[in-house]
């Protein structure tokens, strides 16, 4: 959590959430980093992030990094999806 707290304190992300999940075949939990596209892109392209991910892979099976849409971005994706549905009619 120190890494993510540091990113937040430095203004490199807006916030982050930690989730621990109940019994699941593969996923035990996740961290959701929140920020602008520029903030998230900057973090993901940084050497520090790559080093943290490399270190984490030594201890965690099946580590993945994915983009997620929440808040306003989720609304935009839903609108775009609806536009595609409307084209089917």
PDB file of N, CA and C in Angstrom:
ATOM      1  N   UNK A   1       0.811  -1.184   0.000  1.00  0.00           N
ATOM      2  CA  UNK A   1       0.000   0.000   0.000  1.00  0.00           C
ATOM      3  C   UNK A   1       0.864   1.262   0.000  1.00  0.00           C
ATOM      4  N   UNK A   2       2.104   1.119   0.432  1.00  0.00           N
ATOM      5  CA  UNK A   2       2.999   2.270   0.491  1.00  0.00           C
ATOM      6  C   UNK A   2       3.194   2.888  -0.895  1.00  0.00           C
ATOM      7  N   UNK A   3       3.351   2.037  -1.904  1.00  0.00           N
ATOM      8  CA  UNK A   3       3.545   2.529  -3.275  1.00  0.00           C
ATOM      9  C   UNK A   3       2.347   3.369  -3.717  1.00  0.00           C
ATOM     10  N   UNK A   4       1.138   2.813  -3.541  1.00  0.00           N
ATOM     11  CA  UNK A   4      -0.074   3.495  -3.995  1.00  0.00           C
ATOM     12  C   UNK A   4      -0.332   4.758  -3.183  1.00  0.00           C
ATOM     13  N   UNK A   5      -0.071   4.711  -1.891  1.00  0.00           N
ATOM     14  CA  UNK A   5      -0.204   5.920  -1.057  1.00  0.00           C
ATOM     15  C   UNK A   5       0.756   7.006  -1.520  1.00  0.00           C
ATOM     16  N   UNK A   6       1.962   6.608  -1.880  1.00  0.00           N
ATOM     17  CA  UNK A   6       2.940   7.568  -2.378  1.00  0.00           C
ATOM     18  C   UNK A   6       2.477   8.232  -3.667  1.00  0.00           C
ATOM     19  N   UNK A   7       1.898   7.417  -4.582  1.00  0.00           N
ATOM     20  CA  UNK A   7       1.376   7.984  -5.829  1.00  0.00           C
ATOM     21  C   UNK A   7       0.278   9.007  -5.547  1.00  0.00           C
ATOM     22  N   UNK A   8      -0.592   8.673  -4.598  1.00  0.00           N
ATOM     23  CA  UNK A   8      -1.675   9.596  -4.246  1.00  0.00           C
ATOM     24  C   UNK A   8      -1.117  10.870  -3.622  1.00  0.00           C
ATOM     25  N   UNK A   9      -0.211  10.716  -2.680  1.00  0.00           N
ATOM     26  CA  UNK A   9       0.363  11.876  -1.998  1.00  0.00           C
ATOM     27  C   UNK A   9       1.132  12.786  -2.950  1.00  0.00           C
ATOM     28  N   UNK A  10       1.748  12.190  -3.983  1.00  0.00           N
ATOM     29  CA  UNK A  10       2.498  12.962  -4.975  1.00  0.00           C
ATOM     30  C   UNK A  10       1.597  13.556  -6.051  1.00  0.00           C
ATOM     31  N   UNK A  11       0.289  13.239  -6.024  1.00  0.00           N
ATOM     32  CA  UNK A  11      -0.634  13.746  -7.028  1.00  0.00           C
ATOM     33  C   UNK A  11      -0.553  13.011  -8.352  1.00  0.00           C
ATOM     34  N   UNK A  12       0.096  11.850  -8.349  1.00  0.00           N
ATOM     35  CA  UNK A  12       0.227  11.087  -9.598  1.00  0.00           C
ATOM     36  C   UNK A  12      -1.027  10.269  -9.896  1.00  0.00           C
ATOM     37  N   UNK A  13      -1.849  10.010  -8.879  1.00  0.00           N
ATOM     38  CA  UNK A  13      -3.186   9.433  -9.031  1.00  0.00           C
ATOM     39  C   UNK A  13      -4.114  10.212  -8.114  1.00  0.00           C
ATOM     40  N   UNK A  14      -5.410  10.110  -8.377  1.00  0.00           N
ATOM     41  CA  UNK A  14      -6.364  10.813  -7.520  1.00  0.00           C
ATOM     42  C   UNK A  14      -6.626  10.041  -6.239  1.00  0.00           C
ATOM     43  N   UNK A  15      -6.728   8.715  -6.359  1.00  0.00           N
ATOM     44  CA  UNK A  15      -7.067   7.879  -5.216  1.00  0.00           C
ATOM     45  C   UNK A  15      -6.881   6.428  -5.610  1.00  0.00           C
ATOM     46  N   UNK A  16      -7.023   5.535  -4.647  1.00  0.00           N
ATOM     47  CA  UNK A  16      -7.015   4.113  -4.953  1.00  0.00           C
ATOM     48  C   UNK A  16      -7.872   3.376  -3.933  1.00  0.00           C
ATOM     49  N   UNK A  17      -8.440   2.265  -4.384  1.00  0.00           N
ATOM     50  CA  UNK A  17      -9.242   1.406  -3.517  1.00  0.00           C
ATOM     51  C   UNK A  17      -8.633   0.016  -3.518  1.00  0.00           C
ATOM     52  N   UNK A  18      -8.687  -0.642  -2.369  1.00  0.00           N
ATOM     53  CA  UNK A  18      -8.208  -2.008  -2.243  1.00  0.00           C
ATOM     54  C   UNK A  18      -9.410  -2.895  -1.962  1.00  0.00           C
ATOM     55  N   UNK A  19      -9.506  -4.010  -2.681  1.00  0.00           N
ATOM     56  CA  UNK A  19     -10.606  -4.953  -2.473  1.00  0.00           C
ATOM     57  C   UNK A  19     -10.033  -6.344  -2.265  1.00  0.00           C
ATOM     58  N   UNK A  20     -10.487  -7.011  -1.219  1.00  0.00           N
ATOM     59  CA  UNK A  20     -10.174  -8.411  -0.991  1.00  0.00           C
ATOM     60  C   UNK A  20     -11.465  -9.177  -1.238  1.00  0.00           C
ATOM     61  N   UNK A  21     -11.400 -10.158  -2.118  1.00  0.00           N
ATOM     62  CA  UNK A  21     -12.595 -10.874  -2.537  1.00  0.00           C
ATOM     63  C   UNK A  21     -12.766 -12.172  -1.766  1.00  0.00           C
ATOM     64  N   UNK A  22     -14.001 -12.635  -1.737  1.00  0.00           N
ATOM     65  CA  UNK A  22     -14.283 -13.934  -1.144  1.00  0.00           C
ATOM     66  C   UNK A  22     -13.743 -15.031  -2.045  1.00  0.00           C
ATOM     67  N   UNK A  23     -14.012 -16.276  -1.680  1.00  0.00           N
ATOM     68  CA  UNK A  23     -13.493 -17.400  -2.464  1.00  0.00           C
ATOM     69  C   UNK A  23     -13.810 -17.252  -3.957  1.00  0.00           C
ATOM     70  N   UNK A  24     -12.771 -17.397  -4.751  1.00  0.00           N
ATOM     71  CA  UNK A  24     -12.883 -17.241  -6.198  1.00  0.00           C
ATOM     72  C   UNK A  24     -11.840 -18.149  -6.829  1.00  0.00           C
ATOM     73  N   UNK A  25     -12.122 -18.614  -8.000  1.00  0.00           N
ATOM     74  CA  UNK A  25     -11.214 -19.552  -8.654  1.00  0.00           C
ATOM     75  C   UNK A  25      -9.832 -18.956  -8.915  1.00  0.00           C
ATOM     76  N   UNK A  26      -9.758 -17.675  -9.227  1.00  0.00           N
ATOM     77  CA  UNK A  26      -8.469 -17.085  -9.592  1.00  0.00           C
ATOM     78  C   UNK A  26      -8.156 -15.764  -8.911  1.00  0.00           C
ATOM     79  N   UNK A  27      -9.162 -14.956  -8.663  1.00  0.00           N
ATOM     80  CA  UNK A  27      -8.914 -13.590  -8.211  1.00  0.00           C
ATOM     81  C   UNK A  27      -9.156 -13.465  -6.710  1.00  0.00           C
ATOM     82  N   UNK A  28      -8.102 -13.114  -5.981  1.00  0.00           N
ATOM     83  CA  UNK A  28      -8.231 -12.953  -4.540  1.00  0.00           C
ATOM     84  C   UNK A  28      -8.495 -11.520  -4.132  1.00  0.00           C
ATOM     85  N   UNK A  29      -8.185 -10.594  -5.019  1.00  0.00           N
ATOM     86  CA  UNK A  29      -8.401  -9.188  -4.711  1.00  0.00           C
ATOM     87  C   UNK A  29      -7.842  -8.321  -5.812  1.00  0.00           C
ATOM     88  N   UNK A  30      -7.987  -7.012  -5.636  1.00  0.00           N
ATOM     89  CA  UNK A  30      -7.454  -6.087  -6.636  1.00  0.00           C
ATOM     90  C   UNK A  30      -7.283  -4.704  -6.041  1.00  0.00           C
ATOM     91  N   UNK A  31      -6.519  -3.893  -6.746  1.00  0.00           N
ATOM     92  CA  UNK A  31      -6.356  -2.481  -6.418  1.00  0.00           C
ATOM     93  C   UNK A  31      -6.902  -1.695  -7.597  1.00  0.00           C
ATOM     94  N   UNK A  32      -7.791  -0.761  -7.325  1.00  0.00           N
ATOM     95  CA  UNK A  32      -8.357   0.103  -8.350  1.00  0.00           C
ATOM     96  C   UNK A  32      -7.747   1.488  -8.174  1.00  0.00           C
ATOM     97  N   UNK A  33      -6.858   1.854  -9.086  1.00  0.00           N
ATOM     98  CA  UNK A  33      -6.242   3.177  -9.053  1.00  0.00           C
ATOM     99  C   UNK A  33      -7.137   4.122  -9.835  1.00  0.00           C
ATOM    100  N   UNK A  34      -7.438   5.261  -9.259  1.00  0.00           N
ATOM    101  CA  UNK A  34      -8.314   6.245  -9.895  1.00  0.00           C
ATOM    102  C   UNK A  34      -7.509   7.481 -10.255  1.00  0.00           C
ATOM    103  N   UNK A  35      -7.799   7.994 -11.440  1.00  0.00           N
ATOM    104  CA  UNK A  35      -7.124   9.201 -11.888  1.00  0.00           C
ATOM    105  C   UNK A  35      -7.535   9.528 -13.298  1.00  0.00           C
ATOM    106  N   UNK A  36      -6.998  10.615 -13.807  1.00  0.00           N
ATOM    107  CA  UNK A  36      -7.263  10.974 -15.193  1.00  0.00           C
ATOM    108  C   UNK A  36      -6.544   9.977 -16.095  1.00  0.00           C
ATOM    109  N   UNK A  37      -6.926   9.972 -17.371  1.00  0.00           N
ATOM    110  CA  UNK A  37      -6.231   9.103 -18.322  1.00  0.00           C
ATOM    111  C   UNK A  37      -4.740   9.426 -18.328  1.00  0.00           C
ATOM    112  N   UNK A  38      -4.406  10.695 -18.254  1.00  0.00           N
ATOM    113  CA  UNK A  38      -3.004  11.103 -18.270  1.00  0.00           C
ATOM    114  C   UNK A  38      -2.270  10.612 -17.027  1.00  0.00           C
ATOM    115  N   UNK A  39      -2.918  10.693 -15.871  1.00  0.00           N
ATOM    116  CA  UNK A  39      -2.281  10.215 -14.644  1.00  0.00           C
ATOM    117  C   UNK A  39      -2.031   8.711 -14.709  1.00  0.00           C
ATOM    118  N   UNK A  40      -3.054   7.949 -15.085  1.00  0.00           N
ATOM    119  CA  UNK A  40      -2.915   6.494 -15.118  1.00  0.00           C
ATOM    120  C   UNK A  40      -1.885   6.084 -16.165  1.00  0.00           C
ATOM    121  N   UNK A  41      -1.924   6.727 -17.329  1.00  0.00           N
ATOM    122  CA  UNK A  41      -0.960   6.423 -18.386  1.00  0.00           C
ATOM    123  C   UNK A  41       0.456   6.724 -17.912  1.00  0.00           C
ATOM    124  N   UNK A  42       0.633   7.845 -17.245  1.00  0.00           N
ATOM    125  CA  UNK A  42       1.954   8.210 -16.740  1.00  0.00           C
ATOM    126  C   UNK A  42       2.487   7.195 -15.741  1.00  0.00           C
ATOM    127  N   UNK A  43       1.618   6.728 -14.853  1.00  0.00           N
ATOM    128  CA  UNK A  43       2.038   5.721 -13.875  1.00  0.00           C
ATOM    129  C   UNK A  43       2.407   4.425 -14.588  1.00  0.00           C
ATOM    130  N   UNK A  44       1.541   3.970 -15.482  1.00  0.00           N
ATOM    131  CA  UNK A  44       1.783   2.686 -16.153  1.00  0.00           C
ATOM    132  C   UNK A  44       3.032   2.695 -17.020  1.00  0.00           C
ATOM    133  N   UNK A  45       3.427   3.844 -17.514  1.00  0.00           N
ATOM    134  CA  UNK A  45       4.617   3.941 -18.363  1.00  0.00           C
ATOM    135  C   UNK A  45       5.896   4.187 -17.565  1.00  0.00           C
ATOM    136  N   UNK A  46       5.769   4.388 -16.264  1.00  0.00           N
ATOM    137  CA  UNK A  46       6.937   4.724 -15.457  1.00  0.00           C
ATOM    138  C   UNK A  46       7.790   3.498 -15.139  1.00  0.00           C
ATOM    139  N   UNK A  47       9.080   3.742 -15.013  1.00  0.00           N
ATOM    140  CA  UNK A  47      10.021   2.680 -14.634  1.00  0.00           C
ATOM    141  C   UNK A  47       9.662   2.142 -13.249  1.00  0.00           C
ATOM    142  N   UNK A  48       9.287   3.036 -12.353  1.00  0.00           N
ATOM    143  CA  UNK A  48       8.931   2.631 -10.989  1.00  0.00           C
ATOM    144  C   UNK A  48       7.786   1.620 -11.002  1.00  0.00           C
ATOM    145  N   UNK A  49       6.751   1.866 -11.811  1.00  0.00           N
ATOM    146  CA  UNK A  49       5.624   0.946 -11.908  1.00  0.00           C
ATOM    147  C   UNK A  49       6.080  -0.418 -12.442  1.00  0.00           C
ATOM    148  N   UNK A  50       6.892  -0.391 -13.496  1.00  0.00           N
ATOM    149  CA  UNK A  50       7.388  -1.649 -14.051  1.00  0.00           C
ATOM    150  C   UNK A  50       8.190  -2.434 -13.011  1.00  0.00           C
ATOM    151  N   UNK A  51       8.975  -1.746 -12.218  1.00  0.00           N
ATOM    152  CA  UNK A  51       9.757  -2.411 -11.176  1.00  0.00           C
ATOM    153  C   UNK A  51       8.855  -3.009 -10.098  1.00  0.00           C
ATOM    154  N   UNK A  52       7.837  -2.252  -9.686  1.00  0.00           N
ATOM    155  CA  UNK A  52       6.901  -2.759  -8.677  1.00  0.00           C
ATOM    156  C   UNK A  52       6.167  -3.984  -9.214  1.00  0.00           C
ATOM    157  N   UNK A  53       5.744  -3.945 -10.467  1.00  0.00           N
ATOM    158  CA  UNK A  53       5.057  -5.096 -11.060  1.00  0.00           C
ATOM    159  C   UNK A  53       5.986  -6.298 -11.171  1.00  0.00           C
ATOM    160  N   UNK A  54       7.233  -6.080 -11.544  1.00  0.00           N
ATOM    161  CA  UNK A  54       8.197  -7.178 -11.638  1.00  0.00           C
ATOM    162  C   UNK A  54       8.419  -7.815 -10.263  1.00  0.00           C
ATOM    163  N   UNK A  55       8.564  -6.987  -9.247  1.00  0.00           N
ATOM    164  CA  UNK A  55       8.757  -7.483  -7.881  1.00  0.00           C
ATOM    165  C   UNK A  55       7.518  -8.240  -7.404  1.00  0.00           C
ATOM    166  N   UNK A  56       6.344  -7.710  -7.726  1.00  0.00           N
ATOM    167  CA  UNK A  56       5.094  -8.347  -7.307  1.00  0.00           C
ATOM    168  C   UNK A  56       4.923  -9.705  -7.968  1.00  0.00           C
ATOM    169  N   UNK A  57       5.306  -9.814  -9.253  1.00  0.00           N
ATOM    170  CA  UNK A  57       5.167 -11.086  -9.979  1.00  0.00           C
ATOM    171  C   UNK A  57       5.992 -12.203  -9.345  1.00  0.00           C
ATOM    172  N   UNK A  58       7.003 -11.842  -8.571  1.00  0.00           N
ATOM    173  CA  UNK A  58       7.799 -12.858  -7.886  1.00  0.00           C
ATOM    174  C   UNK A  58       7.026 -13.518  -6.747  1.00  0.00           C
ATOM    175  N   UNK A  59       5.932 -12.873  -6.313  1.00  0.00           N
ATOM    176  CA  UNK A  59       5.174 -13.356  -5.159  1.00  0.00           C
ATOM    177  C   UNK A  59       3.708 -13.661  -5.452  1.00  0.00           C
ATOM    178  N   UNK A  60       3.187 -13.151  -6.564  1.00  0.00           N
ATOM    179  CA  UNK A  60       1.760 -13.262  -6.857  1.00  0.00           C
ATOM    180  C   UNK A  60       1.567 -14.002  -8.170  1.00  0.00           C
ATOM    181  N   UNK A  61       0.753 -15.048  -8.145  1.00  0.00           N
ATOM    182  CA  UNK A  61       0.416 -15.758  -9.374  1.00  0.00           C
ATOM    183  C   UNK A  61      -0.621 -14.977 -10.157  1.00  0.00           C
ATOM    184  N   UNK A  62      -0.499 -15.001 -11.461  1.00  0.00           N
ATOM    185  CA  UNK A  62      -1.496 -14.441 -12.374  1.00  0.00           C
ATOM    186  C   UNK A  62      -1.779 -12.963 -12.138  1.00  0.00           C
ATOM    187  N   UNK A  63      -0.744 -12.185 -11.932  1.00  0.00           N
ATOM    188  CA  UNK A  63      -0.886 -10.739 -11.804  1.00  0.00           C
ATOM    189  C   UNK A  63      -1.272 -10.155 -13.157  1.00  0.00           C
ATOM    190  N   UNK A  64      -2.301  -9.350 -13.180  1.00  0.00           N
ATOM    191  CA  UNK A  64      -2.730  -8.681 -14.413  1.00  0.00           C
ATOM    192  C   UNK A  64      -2.951  -7.203 -14.136  1.00  0.00           C
ATOM    193  N   UNK A  65      -2.770  -6.408 -15.167  1.00  0.00           N
ATOM    194  CA  UNK A  65      -3.055  -4.979 -15.113  1.00  0.00           C
ATOM    195  C   UNK A  65      -4.022  -4.702 -16.248  1.00  0.00           C
ATOM    196  N   UNK A  66      -5.189  -4.154 -15.917  1.00  0.00           N
ATOM    197  CA  UNK A  66      -6.214  -3.877 -16.923  1.00  0.00           C
ATOM    198  C   UNK A  66      -6.778  -2.482 -16.713  1.00  0.00           C
ATOM    199  N   UNK A  67      -7.322  -1.931 -17.779  1.00  0.00           N
ATOM    200  CA  UNK A  67      -8.031  -0.655 -17.683  1.00  0.00           C
ATOM    201  C   UNK A  67      -9.462  -0.929 -17.242  1.00  0.00           C
ATOM    202  N   UNK A  68     -10.026  -0.011 -16.502  1.00  0.00           N
ATOM    203  CA  UNK A  68     -11.411  -0.117 -16.060  1.00  0.00           C
ATOM    204  C   UNK A  68     -12.082   1.243 -16.233  1.00  0.00           C
ATOM    205  N   UNK A  69     -13.353   1.215 -16.539  1.00  0.00           N
ATOM    206  CA  UNK A  69     -14.116   2.452 -16.659  1.00  0.00           C
ATOM    207  C   UNK A  69     -15.058   2.571 -15.470  1.00  0.00           C
ATOM    208  N   UNK A  70     -14.986   3.702 -14.785  1.00  0.00           N
ATOM    209  CA  UNK A  70     -15.868   3.995 -13.655  1.00  0.00           C
ATOM    210  C   UNK A  70     -16.342   5.439 -13.779  1.00  0.00           C
ATOM    211  N   UNK A  71     -17.320   5.780 -12.996  1.00  0.00           N
ATOM    212  CA  UNK A  71     -17.818   7.151 -12.931  1.00  0.00           C
ATOM    213  C   UNK A  71     -18.190   7.670 -14.325  1.00  0.00           C
ATOM    214  N   UNK A  72     -17.704   8.863 -14.707  1.00  0.00           N
ATOM    215  CA  UNK A  72     -18.080   9.460 -15.992  1.00  0.00           C
ATOM    216  C   UNK A  72     -17.653   8.607 -17.179  1.00  0.00           C
ATOM    217  N   UNK A  73     -16.479   7.975 -17.092  1.00  0.00           N
ATOM    218  CA  UNK A  73     -15.995   7.146 -18.203  1.00  0.00           C
ATOM    219  C   UNK A  73     -16.917   5.955 -18.432  1.00  0.00           C
ATOM    220  N   UNK A  74     -17.485   5.417 -17.365  1.00  0.00           N
ATOM    221  CA  UNK A  74     -18.427   4.311 -17.507  1.00  0.00           C
ATOM    222  C   UNK A  74     -19.673   4.778 -18.244  1.00  0.00           C
ATOM    223  N   UNK A  75     -20.173   5.944 -17.893  1.00  0.00           N
ATOM    224  CA  UNK A  75     -21.335   6.493 -18.577  1.00  0.00           C
ATOM    225  C   UNK A  75     -21.070   6.676 -20.063  1.00  0.00           C
ATOM    226  N   UNK A  76     -19.875   7.141 -20.400  1.00  0.00           N
ATOM    227  CA  UNK A  76     -19.511   7.321 -21.806  1.00  0.00           C
ATOM    228  C   UNK A  76     -19.478   5.979 -22.534  1.00  0.00           C
ATOM    229  N   UNK A  77     -18.927   4.958 -21.891  1.00  0.00           N
ATOM    230  CA  UNK A  77     -18.880   3.640 -22.528  1.00  0.00           C
ATOM    231  C   UNK A  77     -20.277   3.068 -22.730  1.00  0.00           C
ATOM    232  N   UNK A  78     -21.161   3.295 -21.785  1.00  0.00           N
ATOM    233  CA  UNK A  78     -22.538   2.812 -21.923  1.00  0.00           C
ATOM    234  C   UNK A  78     -23.218   3.510 -23.094  1.00  0.00           C
ATOM    235  N   UNK A  79     -23.006   4.817 -23.232  1.00  0.00           N
ATOM    236  CA  UNK A  79     -23.577   5.549 -24.366  1.00  0.00           C
ATOM    237  C   UNK A  79     -23.059   5.001 -25.695  1.00  0.00           C
ATOM    238  N   UNK A  80     -21.769   4.743 -25.773  1.00  0.00           N
ATOM    239  CA  UNK A  80     -21.188   4.212 -27.004  1.00  0.00           C
ATOM    240  C   UNK A  80     -21.736   2.818 -27.307  1.00  0.00           C
ATOM    241  N   UNK A  81     -21.896   2.008 -26.280  1.00  0.00           N
ATOM    242  CA  UNK A  81     -22.455   0.675 -26.449  1.00  0.00           C
ATOM    243  C   UNK A  81     -23.901   0.767 -26.950  1.00  0.00           C
ATOM    244  N   UNK A  82     -24.665   1.693 -26.371  1.00  0.00           N
ATOM    245  CA  UNK A  82     -26.054   1.881 -26.793  1.00  0.00           C
ATOM    246  C   UNK A  82     -26.127   2.334 -28.240  1.00  0.00           C
ATOM    247  N   UNK A  83     -25.208   3.190 -28.669  1.00  0.00           N
ATOM    248  CA  UNK A  83     -25.167   3.618 -30.070  1.00  0.00           C
ATOM    249  C   UNK A  83     -24.977   2.412 -31.004  1.00  0.00           C
ATOM    250  N   UNK A  84     -24.140   1.486 -30.599  1.00  0.00           N
ATOM    251  CA  UNK A  84     -23.912   0.297 -31.419  1.00  0.00           C
ATOM    252  C   UNK A  84     -25.149  -0.612 -31.443  1.00  0.00           C
ATOM    253  N   UNK A  85     -25.832  -0.696 -30.322  1.00  0.00           N
ATOM    254  CA  UNK A  85     -27.067  -1.473 -30.269  1.00  0.00           C
ATOM    255  C   UNK A  85     -28.110  -0.853 -31.190  1.00  0.00           C
ATOM    256  N   UNK A  86     -28.193   0.475 -31.152  1.00  0.00           N
ATOM    257  CA  UNK A  86     -29.170   1.169 -32.009  1.00  0.00           C
ATOM    258  C   UNK A  86     -28.878   0.939 -33.480  1.00  0.00           C
ATOM    259  N   UNK A  87     -27.635   0.778 -33.856  1.00  0.00           N
ATOM    260  CA  UNK A  87     -27.277   0.515 -35.252  1.00  0.00           C
ATOM    261  C   UNK A  87     -27.757  -0.847 -35.726  1.00  0.00           C
ATOM    262  N   UNK A  88     -28.010  -1.759 -34.797  1.00  0.00           N
ATOM    263  CA  UNK A  88     -28.473  -3.107 -35.159  1.00  0.00           C
ATOM    264  C   UNK A  88     -29.925  -3.115 -35.603  1.00  0.00           C
ATOM    265  N   UNK A  89     -30.684  -2.136 -35.176  1.00  0.00           N
ATOM    266  CA  UNK A  89     -32.122  -2.096 -35.481  1.00  0.00           C
ATOM    267  C   UNK A  89     -32.411  -1.755 -36.913  1.00  0.00           C
TER     268      UNK A  89
END
